Amino acid sequence: MNTGSDERGQVAAAAVEPPAAKAEQELGSKAPQFIKKSRALHVSWQVGVFIVGLAVVVAGIIMLPLPGPGWVVIFCGMAIWATEFVWAQLVLRWTKRKVTEAAQRALDPRVRRRNIILTSIGLVIVAVLLGIYVWKFGIVMPWKINE
């Protein structure tokens, strides 16, 4: 009698568990079943996913110094890799956790207040320096100043 109630308790606990936490626990290949059945097909699938992910990550790295959303593209390449490779899934999981923590810290009222104060002080310093420059040299570009 206890085994039945234990099973029902496990089913109830699984039903209460949020789907996001359940999906986060699953690591491994997301390839379709018919691909996983054949070892050669699965390895060739992984090679293809690796090459596509590598191309996207390289494009993101190229976009870092050039105009373009470099980091976003790099994370898209990591997401492509994460469909097949556990190491990429773990890296993405760690990255999501760190981004969430940073967002929560940024939304903290004390941190926001400090950032606003520091930004205001920086703007005042820049305005004073700009005012001194205009007072001393007038509105002249720095490369045209003759001393």
N, C-alpha and C. Protein backbone atom coordinates (compact mmCIF):
# COMPACT_ATOMS: atom_id res chain seq x y z
N MET A 1 0.82 -1.19 0.00
CA MET A 1 0.00 0.00 0.00
C MET A 1 0.86 1.25 0.00
N ASN A 2 1.98 1.22 0.70
CA ASN A 2 2.88 2.37 0.73
C ASN A 2 3.52 2.60 -0.62
N THR A 3 3.79 1.53 -1.38
CA THR A 3 4.44 1.73 -2.68
C THR A 3 3.54 2.52 -3.61
N GLY A 4 2.24 2.29 -3.56
CA GLY A 4 1.32 3.05 -4.41
C GLY A 4 1.29 4.51 -4.02
N SER A 5 1.26 4.77 -2.71
CA SER A 5 1.23 6.16 -2.28
C SER A 5 2.57 6.84 -2.56
N ASP A 6 3.68 6.10 -2.46
CA ASP A 6 4.98 6.66 -2.80
C ASP A 6 5.04 7.06 -4.26
N GLU A 7 4.51 6.18 -5.12
CA GLU A 7 4.51 6.48 -6.55
C GLU A 7 3.66 7.71 -6.84
N ARG A 8 2.49 7.79 -6.17
CA ARG A 8 1.63 8.95 -6.39
C ARG A 8 2.32 10.22 -5.89
N GLY A 9 3.05 10.12 -4.78
CA GLY A 9 3.78 11.27 -4.27
C GLY A 9 4.86 11.73 -5.23
N GLN A 10 5.54 10.78 -5.88
CA GLN A 10 6.57 11.13 -6.85
C GLN A 10 5.94 11.78 -8.08
N VAL A 11 4.80 11.24 -8.52
CA VAL A 11 4.11 11.82 -9.67
C VAL A 11 3.63 13.22 -9.33
N ALA A 12 3.10 13.40 -8.11
CA ALA A 12 2.63 14.72 -7.70
C ALA A 12 3.81 15.70 -7.60
N ALA A 13 4.95 15.24 -7.09
CA ALA A 13 6.12 16.10 -7.00
C ALA A 13 6.61 16.48 -8.39
N ALA A 14 6.56 15.54 -9.33
CA ALA A 14 6.98 15.83 -10.70
C ALA A 14 6.02 16.82 -11.36
N ALA A 15 4.72 16.71 -11.02
CA ALA A 15 3.74 17.63 -11.59
C ALA A 15 3.91 19.03 -11.03
N VAL A 16 4.33 19.15 -9.76
CA VAL A 16 4.51 20.45 -9.14
C VAL A 16 5.78 21.13 -9.65
N GLU A 17 6.79 20.35 -10.04
CA GLU A 17 8.06 20.89 -10.51
C GLU A 17 7.83 21.72 -11.78
N PRO A 18 8.34 22.94 -11.80
CA PRO A 18 8.12 23.79 -12.99
C PRO A 18 8.82 23.21 -14.21
N PRO A 19 8.22 23.40 -15.41
CA PRO A 19 8.81 22.85 -16.62
C PRO A 19 10.19 23.42 -16.92
N ALA A 20 10.46 24.66 -16.53
CA ALA A 20 11.78 25.25 -16.82
C ALA A 20 12.87 24.50 -16.07
N ALA A 21 12.60 24.15 -14.82
CA ALA A 21 13.60 23.42 -14.05
C ALA A 21 13.80 22.02 -14.63
N LYS A 22 12.71 21.41 -15.11
CA LYS A 22 12.81 20.08 -15.70
C LYS A 22 13.63 20.13 -16.99
N ALA A 23 13.38 21.14 -17.81
CA ALA A 23 14.12 21.27 -19.07
C ALA A 23 15.58 21.60 -18.80
N GLU A 24 15.85 22.31 -17.69
CA GLU A 24 17.22 22.68 -17.39
C GLU A 24 18.04 21.47 -16.95
N GLN A 25 17.39 20.44 -16.42
CA GLN A 25 18.10 19.26 -15.96
C GLN A 25 18.52 18.36 -17.12
N GLU A 26 17.84 18.44 -18.22
CA GLU A 26 18.13 17.55 -19.34
C GLU A 26 19.37 18.03 -20.08
N LEU A 27 20.37 17.17 -20.09
CA LEU A 27 21.59 17.47 -20.84
C LEU A 27 21.76 16.41 -21.91
N GLY A 28 22.40 16.76 -22.98
CA GLY A 28 22.65 15.79 -24.03
C GLY A 28 22.10 16.23 -25.36
N SER A 29 22.14 15.33 -26.30
CA SER A 29 21.77 15.61 -27.68
C SER A 29 20.28 15.85 -27.82
N LYS A 30 19.93 16.84 -28.62
CA LYS A 30 18.53 17.13 -28.93
C LYS A 30 18.17 16.64 -30.34
N ALA A 31 19.02 15.78 -30.90
CA ALA A 31 18.80 15.27 -32.25
C ALA A 31 17.54 14.40 -32.27
N PRO A 32 16.85 14.34 -33.40
CA PRO A 32 15.68 13.45 -33.52
C PRO A 32 16.06 11.99 -33.27
N GLN A 33 15.09 11.20 -32.85
CA GLN A 33 15.34 9.80 -32.50
C GLN A 33 15.90 8.99 -33.67
N PHE A 34 15.41 9.22 -34.88
CA PHE A 34 15.89 8.42 -36.01
C PHE A 34 17.36 8.70 -36.29
N ILE A 35 17.86 9.87 -35.92
CA ILE A 35 19.28 10.17 -36.08
C ILE A 35 20.09 9.51 -34.97
N LYS A 36 19.55 9.50 -33.76
CA LYS A 36 20.26 8.91 -32.63
C LYS A 36 20.39 7.39 -32.77
N LYS A 37 19.51 6.76 -33.52
CA LYS A 37 19.54 5.30 -33.65
C LYS A 37 20.78 4.82 -34.38
N SER A 38 21.23 5.55 -35.38
CA SER A 38 22.39 5.16 -36.17
C SER A 38 23.62 5.93 -35.68
N ARG A 39 24.65 5.23 -35.26
CA ARG A 39 25.86 5.86 -34.73
C ARG A 39 26.51 6.76 -35.78
N ALA A 40 26.64 6.26 -37.01
CA ALA A 40 27.29 7.03 -38.07
C ALA A 40 26.48 8.29 -38.39
N LEU A 41 25.17 8.16 -38.45
CA LEU A 41 24.32 9.31 -38.75
C LEU A 41 24.39 10.33 -37.61
N HIS A 42 24.43 9.84 -36.39
CA HIS A 42 24.49 10.76 -35.25
C HIS A 42 25.82 11.51 -35.20
N VAL A 43 26.92 10.82 -35.48
CA VAL A 43 28.23 11.48 -35.50
C VAL A 43 28.28 12.51 -36.62
N SER A 44 27.75 12.16 -37.79
CA SER A 44 27.76 13.13 -38.90
C SER A 44 26.84 14.31 -38.58
N TRP A 45 25.75 14.07 -37.86
CA TRP A 45 24.86 15.15 -37.42
C TRP A 45 25.63 16.08 -36.47
N GLN A 46 26.38 15.50 -35.53
CA GLN A 46 27.15 16.31 -34.59
C GLN A 46 28.24 17.12 -35.30
N VAL A 47 28.88 16.52 -36.29
CA VAL A 47 29.89 17.25 -37.06
C VAL A 47 29.25 18.43 -37.78
N GLY A 48 28.08 18.20 -38.38
CA GLY A 48 27.37 19.29 -39.06
C GLY A 48 26.98 20.41 -38.10
N VAL A 49 26.45 20.04 -36.94
CA VAL A 49 26.08 21.04 -35.94
C VAL A 49 27.31 21.81 -35.48
N PHE A 50 28.43 21.10 -35.28
CA PHE A 50 29.65 21.76 -34.84
C PHE A 50 30.12 22.76 -35.89
N ILE A 51 30.09 22.38 -37.16
CA ILE A 51 30.56 23.27 -38.24
C ILE A 51 29.67 24.51 -38.35
N VAL A 52 28.35 24.30 -38.29
CA VAL A 52 27.43 25.44 -38.38
C VAL A 52 27.63 26.37 -37.17
N GLY A 53 27.72 25.78 -35.97
CA GLY A 53 27.95 26.59 -34.77
C GLY A 53 29.28 27.33 -34.83
N LEU A 54 30.31 26.66 -35.34
CA LEU A 54 31.62 27.29 -35.47
C LEU A 54 31.56 28.48 -36.43
N ALA A 55 30.86 28.31 -37.54
CA ALA A 55 30.73 29.41 -38.51
C ALA A 55 30.04 30.62 -37.87
N VAL A 56 29.01 30.35 -37.08
CA VAL A 56 28.28 31.45 -36.44
C VAL A 56 29.15 32.12 -35.38
N VAL A 57 29.88 31.33 -34.58
CA VAL A 57 30.75 31.90 -33.56
C VAL A 57 31.87 32.72 -34.21
N VAL A 58 32.47 32.22 -35.28
CA VAL A 58 33.53 32.96 -35.98
C VAL A 58 32.97 34.26 -36.54
N ALA A 59 31.76 34.23 -37.09
CA ALA A 59 31.13 35.46 -37.59
C ALA A 59 30.94 36.45 -36.45
N GLY A 60 30.55 35.96 -35.28
CA GLY A 60 30.40 36.84 -34.12
C GLY A 60 31.71 37.43 -33.67
N ILE A 61 32.78 36.63 -33.70
CA ILE A 61 34.10 37.13 -33.32
C ILE A 61 34.56 38.20 -34.30
N ILE A 62 34.27 38.00 -35.58
CA ILE A 62 34.62 39.01 -36.58
C ILE A 62 33.84 40.30 -36.34
N MET A 63 32.59 40.15 -35.87
CA MET A 63 31.76 41.34 -35.63
C MET A 63 32.14 42.11 -34.38
N LEU A 64 32.97 41.53 -33.51
CA LEU A 64 33.33 42.26 -32.28
C LEU A 64 34.00 43.60 -32.59
N PRO A 65 35.06 43.64 -33.43
CA PRO A 65 35.65 44.96 -33.72
C PRO A 65 34.91 45.70 -34.84
N LEU A 66 34.13 44.99 -35.62
CA LEU A 66 33.40 45.61 -36.72
C LEU A 66 31.97 45.92 -36.29
N PRO A 67 31.26 46.71 -37.08
CA PRO A 67 29.86 46.97 -36.75
C PRO A 67 29.04 45.68 -36.82
N GLY A 68 28.24 45.47 -35.84
CA GLY A 68 27.40 44.28 -35.81
C GLY A 68 27.23 43.77 -34.39
N PRO A 69 26.24 42.95 -34.18
CA PRO A 69 25.96 42.43 -32.84
C PRO A 69 26.84 41.23 -32.50
N GLY A 70 28.12 41.45 -32.29
CA GLY A 70 29.09 40.38 -32.11
C GLY A 70 28.74 39.41 -31.00
N TRP A 71 28.49 39.91 -29.78
CA TRP A 71 28.22 39.01 -28.66
C TRP A 71 26.93 38.24 -28.85
N VAL A 72 25.93 38.89 -29.42
CA VAL A 72 24.66 38.19 -29.66
C VAL A 72 24.87 37.03 -30.62
N VAL A 73 25.64 37.25 -31.67
CA VAL A 73 25.90 36.20 -32.65
C VAL A 73 26.74 35.08 -32.03
N ILE A 74 27.70 35.44 -31.18
CA ILE A 74 28.49 34.41 -30.50
C ILE A 74 27.59 33.54 -29.63
N PHE A 75 26.68 34.15 -28.89
CA PHE A 75 25.78 33.37 -28.04
C PHE A 75 24.80 32.54 -28.87
N CYS A 76 24.44 33.03 -30.05
CA CYS A 76 23.61 32.21 -30.96
C CYS A 76 24.39 30.97 -31.42
N GLY A 77 25.65 31.14 -31.73
CA GLY A 77 26.49 30.00 -32.09
C GLY A 77 26.62 29.01 -30.95
N MET A 78 26.75 29.52 -29.73
CA MET A 78 26.80 28.65 -28.56
C MET A 78 25.47 27.90 -28.38
N ALA A 79 24.37 28.57 -28.68
CA ALA A 79 23.06 27.91 -28.58
C ALA A 79 22.93 26.80 -29.63
N ILE A 80 23.50 27.02 -30.80
CA ILE A 80 23.49 25.97 -31.82
C ILE A 80 24.30 24.78 -31.32
N TRP A 81 25.48 25.04 -30.75
CA TRP A 81 26.29 23.95 -30.20
C TRP A 81 25.57 23.25 -29.06
N ALA A 82 24.81 24.01 -28.28
CA ALA A 82 24.14 23.43 -27.11
C ALA A 82 23.04 22.45 -27.49
N THR A 83 22.63 22.44 -28.75
CA THR A 83 21.64 21.44 -29.16
C THR A 83 22.25 20.04 -29.20
N GLU A 84 23.58 19.95 -29.23
CA GLU A 84 24.24 18.65 -29.34
C GLU A 84 25.27 18.36 -28.26
N PHE A 85 25.91 19.37 -27.72
CA PHE A 85 27.06 19.15 -26.86
C PHE A 85 26.79 19.60 -25.43
N VAL A 86 27.08 18.72 -24.49
CA VAL A 86 26.83 19.01 -23.07
C VAL A 86 27.68 20.18 -22.59
N TRP A 87 28.94 20.27 -23.02
CA TRP A 87 29.80 21.36 -22.57
C TRP A 87 29.21 22.71 -22.96
N ALA A 88 28.61 22.81 -24.15
CA ALA A 88 28.01 24.07 -24.58
C ALA A 88 26.74 24.36 -23.76
N GLN A 89 26.01 23.31 -23.42
CA GLN A 89 24.82 23.49 -22.58
C GLN A 89 25.22 24.03 -21.21
N LEU A 90 26.30 23.51 -20.65
CA LEU A 90 26.76 23.98 -19.35
C LEU A 90 27.27 25.42 -19.42
N VAL A 91 27.97 25.77 -20.50
CA VAL A 91 28.45 27.14 -20.67
C VAL A 91 27.26 28.10 -20.80
N LEU A 92 26.26 27.73 -21.57
CA LEU A 92 25.08 28.58 -21.72
C LEU A 92 24.33 28.72 -20.41
N ARG A 93 24.22 27.64 -19.67
CA ARG A 93 23.54 27.67 -18.37
C ARG A 93 24.26 28.63 -17.42
N TRP A 94 25.61 28.55 -17.39
CA TRP A 94 26.41 29.43 -16.54
C TRP A 94 26.24 30.89 -16.98
N THR A 95 26.26 31.12 -18.31
CA THR A 95 26.12 32.48 -18.84
C THR A 95 24.75 33.06 -18.49
N LYS A 96 23.70 32.27 -18.67
CA LYS A 96 22.36 32.76 -18.33
C LYS A 96 22.27 33.10 -16.86
N ARG A 97 22.86 32.28 -16.01
CA ARG A 97 22.83 32.55 -14.57
C ARG A 97 23.56 33.85 -14.25
N LYS A 98 24.73 34.07 -14.84
CA LYS A 98 25.49 35.29 -14.58
C LYS A 98 24.77 36.54 -15.11
N VAL A 99 24.15 36.43 -16.28
CA VAL A 99 23.41 37.57 -16.84
C VAL A 99 22.21 37.90 -15.95
N THR A 100 21.52 36.88 -15.46
CA THR A 100 20.39 37.10 -14.58
C THR A 100 20.84 37.77 -13.28
N GLU A 101 21.94 37.30 -12.72
CA GLU A 101 22.47 37.92 -11.49
C GLU A 101 22.86 39.37 -11.73
N ALA A 102 23.49 39.65 -12.87
CA ALA A 102 23.89 41.03 -13.18
C ALA A 102 22.67 41.92 -13.35
N ALA A 103 21.63 41.40 -14.00
CA ALA A 103 20.41 42.18 -14.18
C ALA A 103 19.75 42.48 -12.84
N GLN A 104 19.74 41.50 -11.96
CA GLN A 104 19.15 41.73 -10.63
C GLN A 104 19.97 42.75 -9.84
N ARG A 105 21.29 42.68 -9.94
CA ARG A 105 22.13 43.66 -9.25
C ARG A 105 21.91 45.06 -9.83
N ALA A 106 21.75 45.15 -11.14
CA ALA A 106 21.56 46.46 -11.78
C ALA A 106 20.23 47.08 -11.40
N LEU A 107 19.24 46.25 -11.10
CA LEU A 107 17.93 46.76 -10.73
C LEU A 107 17.81 47.06 -9.24
N ASP A 108 18.84 46.75 -8.46
CA ASP A 108 18.84 47.05 -7.04
C ASP A 108 18.80 48.57 -6.87
N PRO A 109 17.88 49.11 -6.06
CA PRO A 109 17.75 50.57 -5.94
C PRO A 109 19.03 51.27 -5.47
N ARG A 110 19.77 50.64 -4.55
CA ARG A 110 21.01 51.28 -4.07
C ARG A 110 22.03 51.37 -5.20
N VAL A 111 22.14 50.31 -6.01
CA VAL A 111 23.10 50.32 -7.12
C VAL A 111 22.67 51.33 -8.17
N ARG A 112 21.38 51.39 -8.45
CA ARG A 112 20.89 52.37 -9.44
C ARG A 112 21.17 53.79 -8.97
N ARG A 113 20.92 54.05 -7.69
CA ARG A 113 21.16 55.39 -7.14
C ARG A 113 22.65 55.73 -7.25
N ARG A 114 23.52 54.79 -6.89
CA ARG A 114 24.96 55.02 -6.99
C ARG A 114 25.37 55.29 -8.44
N ASN A 115 24.84 54.51 -9.37
CA ASN A 115 25.19 54.70 -10.79
C ASN A 115 24.71 56.05 -11.30
N ILE A 116 23.53 56.47 -10.88
CA ILE A 116 23.01 57.78 -11.30
C ILE A 116 23.88 58.90 -10.74
N ILE A 117 24.30 58.77 -9.48
CA ILE A 117 25.15 59.79 -8.87
C ILE A 117 26.50 59.86 -9.58
N LEU A 118 27.12 58.69 -9.83
CA LEU A 118 28.42 58.68 -10.52
C LEU A 118 28.31 59.23 -11.93
N THR A 119 27.24 58.90 -12.63
CA THR A 119 27.05 59.44 -13.98
C THR A 119 26.88 60.94 -13.94
N SER A 120 26.12 61.44 -12.98
CA SER A 120 25.91 62.88 -12.86
C SER A 120 27.23 63.59 -12.56
N ILE A 121 28.03 63.04 -11.65
CA ILE A 121 29.33 63.64 -11.33
C ILE A 121 30.23 63.64 -12.57
N GLY A 122 30.23 62.55 -13.32
CA GLY A 122 31.02 62.48 -14.55
C GLY A 122 30.58 63.51 -15.57
N LEU A 123 29.28 63.69 -15.72
CA LEU A 123 28.77 64.68 -16.67
C LEU A 123 29.14 66.10 -16.24
N VAL A 124 29.08 66.37 -14.95
CA VAL A 124 29.47 67.69 -14.46
C VAL A 124 30.95 67.95 -14.74
N ILE A 125 31.81 66.96 -14.50
CA ILE A 125 33.25 67.11 -14.77
C ILE A 125 33.49 67.37 -16.25
N VAL A 126 32.82 66.61 -17.12
CA VAL A 126 32.98 66.81 -18.57
C VAL A 126 32.49 68.20 -18.97
N ALA A 127 31.36 68.65 -18.41
CA ALA A 127 30.83 69.98 -18.75
C ALA A 127 31.79 71.07 -18.29
N VAL A 128 32.39 70.92 -17.11
CA VAL A 128 33.34 71.92 -16.62
C VAL A 128 34.58 71.96 -17.53
N LEU A 129 35.12 70.79 -17.87
CA LEU A 129 36.28 70.75 -18.76
C LEU A 129 35.97 71.34 -20.13
N LEU A 130 34.80 71.04 -20.64
CA LEU A 130 34.38 71.61 -21.94
C LEU A 130 34.23 73.13 -21.83
N GLY A 131 33.67 73.61 -20.72
CA GLY A 131 33.53 75.05 -20.50
C GLY A 131 34.87 75.74 -20.43
N ILE A 132 35.84 75.13 -19.73
CA ILE A 132 37.19 75.70 -19.64
C ILE A 132 37.83 75.75 -21.02
N TYR A 133 37.66 74.72 -21.81
CA TYR A 133 38.23 74.67 -23.16
C TYR A 133 37.63 75.78 -24.03
N VAL A 134 36.30 75.92 -24.00
CA VAL A 134 35.64 76.95 -24.81
C VAL A 134 36.04 78.34 -24.32
N TRP A 135 36.17 78.55 -23.01
CA TRP A 135 36.56 79.84 -22.46
C TRP A 135 37.97 80.20 -22.89
N LYS A 136 38.87 79.21 -22.90
CA LYS A 136 40.27 79.49 -23.22
C LYS A 136 40.51 79.62 -24.72
N PHE A 137 39.91 78.72 -25.52
CA PHE A 137 40.22 78.69 -26.96
C PHE A 137 39.06 79.11 -27.85
N GLY A 138 37.90 79.27 -27.33
CA GLY A 138 36.74 79.52 -28.16
C GLY A 138 36.30 78.22 -28.81
N ILE A 139 35.40 78.33 -29.75
CA ILE A 139 34.93 77.13 -30.42
C ILE A 139 35.83 76.86 -31.62
N VAL A 140 36.96 76.21 -31.34
CA VAL A 140 37.95 75.87 -32.35
C VAL A 140 38.30 74.40 -32.15
N MET A 141 38.44 73.68 -33.24
CA MET A 141 38.81 72.27 -33.12
C MET A 141 40.24 72.16 -32.59
N PRO A 142 40.52 71.15 -31.77
CA PRO A 142 41.85 71.03 -31.14
C PRO A 142 43.00 70.98 -32.14
N TRP A 143 42.80 70.41 -33.30
CA TRP A 143 43.90 70.31 -34.26
C TRP A 143 44.14 71.61 -35.01
N LYS A 144 43.30 72.64 -34.79
CA LYS A 144 43.51 73.92 -35.46
C LYS A 144 44.00 75.01 -34.51
N ILE A 145 44.34 74.61 -33.27
CA ILE A 145 44.79 75.59 -32.29
C ILE A 145 46.25 75.94 -32.58
N ASN A 146 46.52 77.26 -32.70
CA ASN A 146 47.90 77.74 -32.89
C ASN A 146 48.33 78.44 -31.61
N GLU A 147 49.38 77.92 -31.02
CA GLU A 147 49.86 78.53 -29.76
C GLU A 147 51.02 79.42 -30.01
